N, C-alpha and C. Protein backbone atom coordinates (compact mmCIF):
# COMPACT_ATOMS: atom_id res chain seq x y z
N UNK A 1 -3.35 -28.35 -5.34
CA UNK A 1 -3.09 -28.25 -3.89
C UNK A 1 -1.94 -29.17 -3.48
N UNK A 2 -0.88 -28.56 -2.94
CA UNK A 2 0.29 -29.37 -2.62
C UNK A 2 0.99 -28.98 -1.33
N UNK A 3 0.56 -27.91 -0.68
CA UNK A 3 1.16 -27.50 0.59
C UNK A 3 0.07 -27.33 1.65
N UNK A 4 0.36 -27.74 2.89
CA UNK A 4 -0.65 -27.61 3.95
C UNK A 4 -0.77 -26.18 4.45
N UNK A 5 -2.03 -25.72 4.62
CA UNK A 5 -2.26 -24.41 5.23
C UNK A 5 -2.27 -24.55 6.75
N UNK A 6 -2.65 -23.52 7.45
CA UNK A 6 -2.64 -23.54 8.91
C UNK A 6 -3.58 -24.59 9.50
N UNK A 7 -4.59 -24.99 8.76
CA UNK A 7 -5.49 -26.04 9.24
C UNK A 7 -5.02 -27.43 8.84
N UNK A 8 -3.89 -27.51 8.11
CA UNK A 8 -3.37 -28.80 7.67
C UNK A 8 -4.00 -29.30 6.39
N UNK A 9 -4.83 -28.47 5.76
CA UNK A 9 -5.47 -28.85 4.49
C UNK A 9 -4.57 -28.44 3.34
N UNK A 10 -4.47 -29.31 2.33
CA UNK A 10 -3.64 -28.98 1.18
C UNK A 10 -4.25 -27.81 0.41
N UNK A 11 -3.37 -26.87 0.05
CA UNK A 11 -3.79 -25.66 -0.66
C UNK A 11 -2.85 -25.39 -1.82
N UNK A 12 -3.32 -24.58 -2.73
CA UNK A 12 -2.50 -24.16 -3.86
C UNK A 12 -1.38 -23.25 -3.32
N UNK A 13 -0.11 -23.51 -3.67
CA UNK A 13 0.99 -22.69 -3.16
C UNK A 13 0.85 -21.20 -3.46
N UNK A 14 0.18 -20.84 -4.55
CA UNK A 14 0.03 -19.42 -4.89
C UNK A 14 -0.86 -18.68 -3.90
N UNK A 15 -1.64 -19.41 -3.12
CA UNK A 15 -2.54 -18.78 -2.15
C UNK A 15 -1.93 -18.70 -0.75
N UNK A 16 -0.72 -19.24 -0.60
CA UNK A 16 -0.11 -19.33 0.73
C UNK A 16 1.09 -18.42 0.88
N UNK A 17 1.36 -18.07 2.12
CA UNK A 17 2.57 -17.36 2.50
C UNK A 17 3.39 -18.32 3.35
N UNK A 18 4.70 -18.17 3.29
CA UNK A 18 5.59 -19.04 4.04
C UNK A 18 6.35 -18.23 5.07
N UNK A 19 6.29 -18.66 6.31
CA UNK A 19 6.99 -17.98 7.39
C UNK A 19 8.51 -18.00 7.12
N UNK A 20 9.25 -17.07 7.72
CA UNK A 20 10.69 -17.01 7.50
C UNK A 20 11.39 -18.29 7.98
N UNK A 21 12.47 -18.62 7.33
CA UNK A 21 13.22 -19.80 7.76
C UNK A 21 14.04 -19.44 8.99
N UNK A 22 14.35 -20.45 9.77
CA UNK A 22 15.20 -20.27 10.94
C UNK A 22 14.51 -19.72 12.17
N UNK A 23 13.18 -19.64 12.15
CA UNK A 23 12.48 -19.16 13.34
C UNK A 23 12.59 -20.20 14.46
N UNK A 24 12.69 -19.74 15.70
CA UNK A 24 12.68 -20.70 16.81
C UNK A 24 11.37 -21.49 16.83
N UNK A 25 11.45 -22.77 17.08
CA UNK A 25 10.24 -23.61 17.08
C UNK A 25 9.22 -23.13 18.11
N UNK A 26 9.68 -22.58 19.21
CA UNK A 26 8.76 -22.08 20.24
C UNK A 26 7.97 -20.87 19.71
N UNK A 27 8.61 -20.02 18.92
CA UNK A 27 7.90 -18.87 18.32
C UNK A 27 6.84 -19.36 17.35
N UNK A 28 7.16 -20.39 16.57
CA UNK A 28 6.17 -20.98 15.66
C UNK A 28 4.99 -21.55 16.43
N UNK A 29 5.28 -22.21 17.55
CA UNK A 29 4.21 -22.80 18.37
C UNK A 29 3.28 -21.72 18.92
N UNK A 30 3.87 -20.63 19.39
CA UNK A 30 3.05 -19.54 19.93
C UNK A 30 2.16 -18.97 18.82
N UNK A 31 2.72 -18.71 17.65
CA UNK A 31 1.98 -18.13 16.53
C UNK A 31 0.84 -19.05 16.11
N UNK A 32 1.14 -20.35 15.97
CA UNK A 32 0.11 -21.28 15.49
C UNK A 32 -0.90 -21.66 16.57
N UNK A 33 -0.61 -21.35 17.82
CA UNK A 33 -1.56 -21.66 18.89
C UNK A 33 -2.72 -20.66 18.95
N UNK A 34 -2.57 -19.53 18.26
CA UNK A 34 -3.63 -18.52 18.28
C UNK A 34 -4.78 -18.98 17.37
N UNK A 35 -5.96 -19.20 17.92
CA UNK A 35 -7.07 -19.76 17.13
C UNK A 35 -7.51 -18.89 15.95
N UNK A 36 -7.34 -17.58 16.05
CA UNK A 36 -7.78 -16.68 14.99
C UNK A 36 -6.64 -16.25 14.06
N UNK A 37 -5.56 -17.03 14.05
CA UNK A 37 -4.44 -16.72 13.16
C UNK A 37 -4.90 -16.80 11.70
N UNK A 38 -4.23 -16.08 10.81
CA UNK A 38 -4.59 -16.19 9.40
C UNK A 38 -4.32 -17.60 8.88
N UNK A 39 -5.23 -18.13 8.13
CA UNK A 39 -5.12 -19.53 7.66
C UNK A 39 -4.33 -19.66 6.37
N UNK A 40 -4.03 -18.54 5.69
CA UNK A 40 -3.34 -18.61 4.41
C UNK A 40 -1.81 -18.62 4.54
N UNK A 41 -1.34 -19.24 5.61
CA UNK A 41 0.09 -19.42 5.84
C UNK A 41 0.38 -20.92 5.87
N UNK A 42 1.58 -21.30 5.43
CA UNK A 42 1.96 -22.71 5.45
C UNK A 42 1.98 -23.23 6.88
N UNK A 43 1.59 -24.46 7.02
CA UNK A 43 1.64 -25.16 8.30
C UNK A 43 3.11 -25.33 8.71
N UNK A 44 3.44 -25.24 9.99
CA UNK A 44 4.84 -25.37 10.41
C UNK A 44 5.45 -26.76 10.12
N UNK A 45 4.61 -27.72 9.73
CA UNK A 45 5.12 -29.04 9.38
C UNK A 45 6.04 -28.99 8.16
N UNK A 46 6.00 -27.90 7.39
CA UNK A 46 6.89 -27.78 6.23
C UNK A 46 8.32 -27.42 6.64
N UNK A 47 8.55 -27.26 7.93
CA UNK A 47 9.85 -26.78 8.39
C UNK A 47 10.92 -27.86 8.61
N UNK A 48 10.84 -28.96 7.90
CA UNK A 48 11.96 -29.90 7.92
C UNK A 48 12.89 -29.51 6.78
N UNK A 49 14.10 -30.01 6.80
CA UNK A 49 15.10 -29.61 5.81
C UNK A 49 14.61 -29.82 4.37
N UNK A 50 14.15 -31.01 4.06
CA UNK A 50 13.74 -31.29 2.67
C UNK A 50 12.39 -30.64 2.33
N UNK A 51 11.46 -30.60 3.27
CA UNK A 51 10.15 -30.01 2.99
C UNK A 51 10.25 -28.51 2.80
N UNK A 52 11.08 -27.86 3.58
CA UNK A 52 11.22 -26.40 3.51
C UNK A 52 11.69 -25.99 2.11
N UNK A 53 12.68 -26.67 1.60
CA UNK A 53 13.22 -26.34 0.28
C UNK A 53 12.15 -26.52 -0.79
N UNK A 54 11.41 -27.60 -0.70
CA UNK A 54 10.33 -27.85 -1.67
C UNK A 54 9.23 -26.79 -1.55
N UNK A 55 8.87 -26.46 -0.32
CA UNK A 55 7.83 -25.46 -0.10
C UNK A 55 8.25 -24.11 -0.67
N UNK A 56 9.47 -23.70 -0.41
CA UNK A 56 9.96 -22.42 -0.96
C UNK A 56 9.91 -22.44 -2.48
N UNK A 57 10.37 -23.52 -3.07
CA UNK A 57 10.39 -23.64 -4.53
C UNK A 57 8.97 -23.55 -5.10
N UNK A 58 8.03 -24.29 -4.50
CA UNK A 58 6.65 -24.28 -4.98
C UNK A 58 5.99 -22.90 -4.84
N UNK A 59 6.23 -22.25 -3.72
CA UNK A 59 5.61 -20.94 -3.49
C UNK A 59 6.18 -19.90 -4.45
N UNK A 60 7.50 -19.86 -4.60
CA UNK A 60 8.11 -18.90 -5.51
C UNK A 60 7.65 -19.14 -6.95
N UNK A 61 7.64 -20.40 -7.37
CA UNK A 61 7.25 -20.75 -8.75
C UNK A 61 5.80 -20.38 -9.04
N UNK A 62 4.95 -20.40 -8.03
CA UNK A 62 3.53 -20.11 -8.26
C UNK A 62 3.15 -18.66 -7.96
N UNK A 63 4.14 -17.85 -7.61
CA UNK A 63 3.86 -16.44 -7.35
C UNK A 63 3.42 -16.16 -5.92
N UNK A 64 3.59 -17.14 -5.04
CA UNK A 64 3.26 -16.94 -3.62
C UNK A 64 4.32 -16.09 -2.94
N UNK A 65 4.23 -15.94 -1.65
CA UNK A 65 5.09 -15.02 -0.92
C UNK A 65 5.90 -15.71 0.17
N UNK A 66 7.23 -15.46 0.15
CA UNK A 66 8.09 -15.84 1.26
C UNK A 66 8.14 -14.62 2.17
N UNK A 67 7.68 -14.76 3.38
CA UNK A 67 7.50 -13.61 4.26
C UNK A 67 8.74 -13.28 5.07
N UNK A 68 8.82 -12.02 5.46
CA UNK A 68 9.86 -11.56 6.39
C UNK A 68 9.35 -11.76 7.82
N UNK A 69 10.23 -11.59 8.77
CA UNK A 69 9.85 -11.69 10.19
C UNK A 69 8.75 -10.67 10.50
N UNK A 70 8.92 -9.45 9.99
CA UNK A 70 7.92 -8.41 10.26
C UNK A 70 6.56 -8.79 9.70
N UNK A 71 6.51 -9.27 8.47
CA UNK A 71 5.24 -9.64 7.86
C UNK A 71 4.57 -10.78 8.63
N UNK A 72 5.37 -11.74 9.06
CA UNK A 72 4.84 -12.89 9.77
C UNK A 72 4.25 -12.46 11.12
N UNK A 73 4.96 -11.62 11.85
CA UNK A 73 4.46 -11.15 13.14
C UNK A 73 3.23 -10.25 12.97
N UNK A 74 3.27 -9.37 11.98
CA UNK A 74 2.15 -8.45 11.75
C UNK A 74 0.89 -9.19 11.31
N UNK A 75 1.05 -10.32 10.66
CA UNK A 75 -0.11 -11.08 10.19
C UNK A 75 -0.98 -11.55 11.35
N UNK A 76 -0.36 -12.02 12.41
CA UNK A 76 -1.14 -12.54 13.55
C UNK A 76 -1.71 -11.40 14.40
N UNK A 77 -1.06 -10.24 14.37
CA UNK A 77 -1.57 -9.09 15.12
C UNK A 77 -2.57 -8.29 14.31
N UNK A 78 -2.71 -8.62 13.04
CA UNK A 78 -3.53 -7.83 12.12
C UNK A 78 -5.01 -7.77 12.41
N UNK A 79 -5.49 -8.65 13.29
CA UNK A 79 -6.92 -8.59 13.61
C UNK A 79 -7.25 -7.48 14.63
N UNK A 80 -6.23 -6.78 15.07
CA UNK A 80 -6.37 -5.63 15.99
C UNK A 80 -7.07 -6.00 17.29
N UNK A 81 -6.81 -7.20 17.79
CA UNK A 81 -7.36 -7.61 19.08
C UNK A 81 -6.22 -7.73 20.09
N UNK A 82 -6.53 -7.57 21.38
CA UNK A 82 -5.50 -7.78 22.39
C UNK A 82 -4.88 -9.18 22.32
N UNK A 83 -5.68 -10.20 22.03
CA UNK A 83 -5.17 -11.57 21.96
C UNK A 83 -4.20 -11.75 20.79
N UNK A 84 -4.55 -11.18 19.63
CA UNK A 84 -3.66 -11.27 18.47
C UNK A 84 -2.37 -10.52 18.70
N UNK A 85 -2.48 -9.33 19.28
CA UNK A 85 -1.29 -8.54 19.60
C UNK A 85 -0.40 -9.27 20.61
N UNK A 86 -1.02 -9.83 21.63
CA UNK A 86 -0.27 -10.58 22.64
C UNK A 86 0.47 -11.75 22.03
N UNK A 87 -0.17 -12.45 21.11
CA UNK A 87 0.47 -13.58 20.44
C UNK A 87 1.70 -13.12 19.67
N UNK A 88 1.56 -12.04 18.91
CA UNK A 88 2.68 -11.51 18.15
C UNK A 88 3.81 -11.04 19.06
N UNK A 89 3.46 -10.38 20.16
CA UNK A 89 4.46 -9.89 21.11
C UNK A 89 5.24 -11.06 21.71
N UNK A 90 4.53 -12.11 22.09
CA UNK A 90 5.19 -13.28 22.69
C UNK A 90 6.12 -13.96 21.69
N UNK A 91 5.67 -14.12 20.45
CA UNK A 91 6.53 -14.72 19.42
C UNK A 91 7.75 -13.83 19.15
N UNK A 92 7.53 -12.52 19.12
CA UNK A 92 8.63 -11.58 18.88
C UNK A 92 9.67 -11.65 20.00
N UNK A 93 9.22 -11.75 21.23
CA UNK A 93 10.15 -11.83 22.36
C UNK A 93 11.00 -13.10 22.29
N UNK A 94 10.39 -14.18 21.88
CA UNK A 94 11.14 -15.44 21.74
C UNK A 94 12.22 -15.28 20.67
N UNK A 95 11.85 -14.68 19.54
CA UNK A 95 12.82 -14.47 18.46
C UNK A 95 13.96 -13.59 18.94
N UNK A 96 13.64 -12.48 19.60
CA UNK A 96 14.65 -11.54 20.08
C UNK A 96 15.56 -12.17 21.12
N UNK A 97 14.99 -13.04 21.95
CA UNK A 97 15.78 -13.69 23.00
C UNK A 97 16.71 -14.76 22.43
N UNK A 98 16.21 -15.54 21.49
CA UNK A 98 17.00 -16.63 20.91
C UNK A 98 18.07 -16.09 19.96
N UNK A 99 17.73 -15.06 19.20
CA UNK A 99 18.64 -14.50 18.21
C UNK A 99 18.68 -12.98 18.34
N UNK A 100 19.53 -12.46 19.25
CA UNK A 100 19.57 -11.01 19.47
C UNK A 100 19.85 -10.19 18.21
N UNK A 101 20.50 -10.79 17.21
CA UNK A 101 20.77 -10.05 15.97
C UNK A 101 19.50 -9.78 15.18
N UNK A 102 18.42 -10.50 15.48
CA UNK A 102 17.16 -10.27 14.77
C UNK A 102 16.26 -9.27 15.48
N UNK A 103 16.75 -8.66 16.55
CA UNK A 103 15.92 -7.72 17.29
C UNK A 103 15.48 -6.54 16.41
N UNK A 104 16.32 -6.13 15.48
CA UNK A 104 15.94 -5.02 14.58
C UNK A 104 14.72 -5.39 13.76
N UNK A 105 14.63 -6.65 13.32
CA UNK A 105 13.47 -7.09 12.53
C UNK A 105 12.22 -7.11 13.41
N UNK A 106 12.39 -7.52 14.64
CA UNK A 106 11.27 -7.56 15.59
C UNK A 106 10.79 -6.13 15.87
N UNK A 107 11.72 -5.21 16.07
CA UNK A 107 11.35 -3.83 16.37
C UNK A 107 10.66 -3.13 15.21
N UNK A 108 10.88 -3.58 13.99
CA UNK A 108 10.24 -2.96 12.82
C UNK A 108 8.80 -3.40 12.66
N UNK A 109 8.43 -4.49 13.27
CA UNK A 109 7.07 -5.02 13.12
C UNK A 109 6.07 -4.22 13.95
N UNK A 110 4.96 -3.87 13.35
CA UNK A 110 3.88 -3.16 14.05
C UNK A 110 2.95 -4.20 14.64
N UNK A 111 3.20 -4.53 15.91
CA UNK A 111 2.49 -5.65 16.55
C UNK A 111 1.86 -5.31 17.88
N UNK A 112 2.18 -4.16 18.45
CA UNK A 112 1.67 -3.83 19.78
C UNK A 112 0.42 -2.96 19.66
N UNK A 113 -0.69 -3.48 20.17
CA UNK A 113 -1.94 -2.74 20.17
C UNK A 113 -1.86 -1.62 21.21
N UNK A 114 -2.16 -0.40 20.78
CA UNK A 114 -2.10 0.74 21.69
C UNK A 114 -3.46 1.02 22.31
N UNK A 115 -3.47 1.90 23.27
CA UNK A 115 -4.72 2.29 23.91
C UNK A 115 -5.67 2.98 22.93
N UNK A 116 -5.13 3.49 21.82
CA UNK A 116 -5.98 4.12 20.79
C UNK A 116 -6.49 3.12 19.77
N UNK A 117 -6.04 1.86 19.86
CA UNK A 117 -6.53 0.83 18.95
C UNK A 117 -5.73 0.63 17.69
N UNK A 118 -4.54 1.22 17.62
CA UNK A 118 -3.69 1.02 16.44
C UNK A 118 -2.51 0.13 16.81
N UNK A 119 -1.82 -0.37 15.79
CA UNK A 119 -0.64 -1.20 16.01
C UNK A 119 0.61 -0.36 15.80
N UNK A 120 1.56 -0.49 16.74
CA UNK A 120 2.82 0.25 16.65
C UNK A 120 3.98 -0.71 16.87
N UNK A 121 5.16 -0.22 16.60
CA UNK A 121 6.39 -0.98 16.81
C UNK A 121 6.72 -1.02 18.30
N UNK A 122 7.36 -2.09 18.73
CA UNK A 122 7.78 -2.23 20.13
C UNK A 122 9.16 -1.62 20.30
N UNK A 123 9.21 -0.29 20.28
CA UNK A 123 10.47 0.42 20.38
C UNK A 123 10.56 1.07 21.77
N UNK A 124 11.56 0.64 22.56
CA UNK A 124 11.73 1.25 23.89
C UNK A 124 11.93 2.76 23.77
N UNK A 125 11.29 3.49 24.66
CA UNK A 125 11.40 4.94 24.66
C UNK A 125 10.33 5.62 23.82
N UNK A 126 9.62 4.85 23.01
CA UNK A 126 8.52 5.41 22.21
C UNK A 126 7.19 4.80 22.59
N UNK A 127 7.24 3.65 23.22
CA UNK A 127 6.05 2.93 23.64
C UNK A 127 6.21 2.57 25.11
N UNK A 128 5.13 2.75 25.87
CA UNK A 128 5.21 2.50 27.30
C UNK A 128 3.99 1.72 27.79
N UNK A 129 4.18 1.06 28.92
CA UNK A 129 3.06 0.42 29.62
C UNK A 129 2.32 1.50 30.38
N UNK A 130 1.01 1.36 30.52
CA UNK A 130 0.26 2.35 31.30
C UNK A 130 0.69 2.31 32.77
N UNK A 131 0.66 3.46 33.40
CA UNK A 131 1.00 3.55 34.82
C UNK A 131 0.19 4.67 35.44
N UNK A 132 0.38 4.89 36.72
CA UNK A 132 -0.35 5.96 37.40
C UNK A 132 0.25 7.33 37.09
N UNK A 133 1.45 7.35 36.50
CA UNK A 133 2.09 8.61 36.12
C UNK A 133 1.28 9.28 35.01
N UNK A 134 1.06 10.57 35.13
CA UNK A 134 0.35 11.33 34.11
C UNK A 134 1.38 12.09 33.28
N UNK A 135 1.45 11.73 32.02
CA UNK A 135 2.43 12.32 31.11
C UNK A 135 2.02 13.74 30.74
N UNK A 136 3.03 14.60 30.58
CA UNK A 136 2.77 15.96 30.12
C UNK A 136 2.85 16.03 28.60
N UNK A 137 3.48 15.05 27.98
CA UNK A 137 3.62 15.03 26.52
C UNK A 137 2.47 14.29 25.87
N UNK A 138 2.25 14.60 24.61
CA UNK A 138 1.15 13.96 23.90
C UNK A 138 1.66 12.97 22.85
N UNK A 139 2.98 12.87 22.72
CA UNK A 139 3.54 12.01 21.68
C UNK A 139 3.98 10.64 22.20
N UNK A 140 3.47 10.25 23.34
CA UNK A 140 3.81 8.96 23.92
C UNK A 140 2.68 7.97 23.64
N UNK A 141 3.06 6.79 23.19
CA UNK A 141 2.07 5.74 22.93
C UNK A 141 2.05 4.78 24.10
N UNK A 142 0.86 4.31 24.45
CA UNK A 142 0.70 3.37 25.56
C UNK A 142 0.14 2.04 25.06
N UNK A 143 0.63 0.97 25.64
CA UNK A 143 0.13 -0.36 25.34
C UNK A 143 -1.33 -0.44 25.78
N UNK A 144 -2.15 -1.10 24.98
CA UNK A 144 -3.57 -1.27 25.30
C UNK A 144 -3.68 -1.92 26.69
N UNK A 145 -4.58 -1.44 27.54
CA UNK A 145 -4.71 -1.98 28.90
C UNK A 145 -4.98 -3.49 28.94
N UNK A 146 -5.74 -4.00 27.98
CA UNK A 146 -6.00 -5.45 27.97
C UNK A 146 -4.74 -6.25 27.66
N UNK A 147 -3.90 -5.73 26.78
CA UNK A 147 -2.62 -6.39 26.49
C UNK A 147 -1.72 -6.31 27.71
N UNK A 148 -1.66 -5.13 28.33
CA UNK A 148 -0.80 -4.92 29.50
C UNK A 148 -1.25 -5.75 30.70
N UNK A 149 -2.50 -6.20 30.71
CA UNK A 149 -2.99 -7.00 31.84
C UNK A 149 -2.72 -8.50 31.67
N UNK A 150 -2.22 -8.90 30.50
CA UNK A 150 -1.91 -10.31 30.25
C UNK A 150 -0.48 -10.58 30.72
N UNK A 151 -0.32 -11.48 31.68
CA UNK A 151 1.00 -11.70 32.28
C UNK A 151 2.03 -12.18 31.28
N UNK A 152 1.64 -13.05 30.34
CA UNK A 152 2.62 -13.53 29.36
C UNK A 152 3.02 -12.42 28.39
N UNK A 153 2.10 -11.55 28.03
CA UNK A 153 2.43 -10.41 27.17
C UNK A 153 3.30 -9.41 27.91
N UNK A 154 3.01 -9.22 29.19
CA UNK A 154 3.79 -8.30 30.02
C UNK A 154 5.24 -8.76 30.12
N UNK A 155 5.45 -10.05 30.32
CA UNK A 155 6.82 -10.60 30.37
C UNK A 155 7.52 -10.41 29.04
N UNK A 156 6.81 -10.66 27.95
CA UNK A 156 7.39 -10.51 26.62
C UNK A 156 7.73 -9.05 26.33
N UNK A 157 6.86 -8.13 26.73
CA UNK A 157 7.14 -6.70 26.53
C UNK A 157 8.38 -6.28 27.30
N UNK A 158 8.56 -6.83 28.47
CA UNK A 158 9.75 -6.54 29.26
C UNK A 158 11.01 -7.00 28.53
N UNK A 159 10.95 -8.18 27.92
CA UNK A 159 12.08 -8.68 27.14
C UNK A 159 12.38 -7.74 25.98
N UNK A 160 11.33 -7.16 25.39
CA UNK A 160 11.50 -6.23 24.27
C UNK A 160 11.87 -4.81 24.72
N UNK A 161 11.96 -4.59 26.04
CA UNK A 161 12.39 -3.30 26.57
C UNK A 161 11.28 -2.29 26.79
N UNK A 162 10.05 -2.76 26.83
CA UNK A 162 8.91 -1.86 27.04
C UNK A 162 8.54 -1.90 28.53
N UNK A 163 8.57 -0.73 29.16
CA UNK A 163 8.32 -0.62 30.60
C UNK A 163 7.31 0.48 30.89
N UNK A 164 6.95 0.62 32.16
CA UNK A 164 6.03 1.67 32.56
C UNK A 164 6.69 3.03 32.39
N UNK A 165 5.87 4.00 32.04
CA UNK A 165 6.38 5.36 31.88
C UNK A 165 6.46 6.04 33.24
N UNK A 166 7.49 6.84 33.41
CA UNK A 166 7.61 7.70 34.58
C UNK A 166 8.28 8.99 34.09
N UNK A 167 8.51 9.93 34.97
CA UNK A 167 9.05 11.22 34.56
C UNK A 167 10.42 11.07 33.89
N UNK A 168 11.27 10.22 34.44
CA UNK A 168 12.60 10.04 33.87
C UNK A 168 12.53 9.42 32.47
N UNK A 169 11.72 8.39 32.30
CA UNK A 169 11.61 7.74 30.99
C UNK A 169 10.97 8.68 29.96
N UNK A 170 10.03 9.50 30.42
CA UNK A 170 9.41 10.47 29.50
C UNK A 170 10.44 11.49 29.05
N UNK A 171 11.27 11.98 29.98
CA UNK A 171 12.32 12.94 29.64
C UNK A 171 13.30 12.31 28.66
N UNK A 172 13.71 11.06 28.93
CA UNK A 172 14.63 10.36 28.03
C UNK A 172 14.04 10.22 26.64
N UNK A 173 12.75 9.94 26.57
CA UNK A 173 12.07 9.80 25.26
C UNK A 173 12.06 11.13 24.52
N UNK A 174 11.82 12.22 25.22
CA UNK A 174 11.79 13.54 24.57
C UNK A 174 13.18 13.95 24.12
N UNK A 175 14.19 13.68 24.93
CA UNK A 175 15.56 14.02 24.57
C UNK A 175 16.03 13.20 23.36
N UNK A 176 15.65 11.92 23.35
CA UNK A 176 16.04 11.05 22.23
C UNK A 176 15.36 11.51 20.96
């Protein structure tokens, strides 16, 4: 055991995953603030210059995994709860806001809990917030009502380009 897990306990590097390098510290804080986050990820304390290099070396040498942005975000949303999805959405919005070039990685992650209970990508025009508008199409996905009712998740979804559906947005989605 040589690397701290999410609880700060030393663990074997082969059992841990390491979050992507260069993540905004605020995104790391949001992810680690979720009480039900997966524990088999390195603690963010490894994110200093010298510790990060050592952690990467130990994990690679022991067969552990260096994760992508998508894997890291999907891990916290993987419990299929509104709270987990909200956490992932908030972290994703921070990443997209701080580094717009990483928005493609954020959009590839399946982190938004839908009204049907599955996780989908936060792609504008394919995913919408629930509204009073009744869609005529059946291929539109809606954000889970519990996620949509969380103000911090709602703000983050707006940053990611997810808005309420209306006739114009539905037409644009079908044309696209």
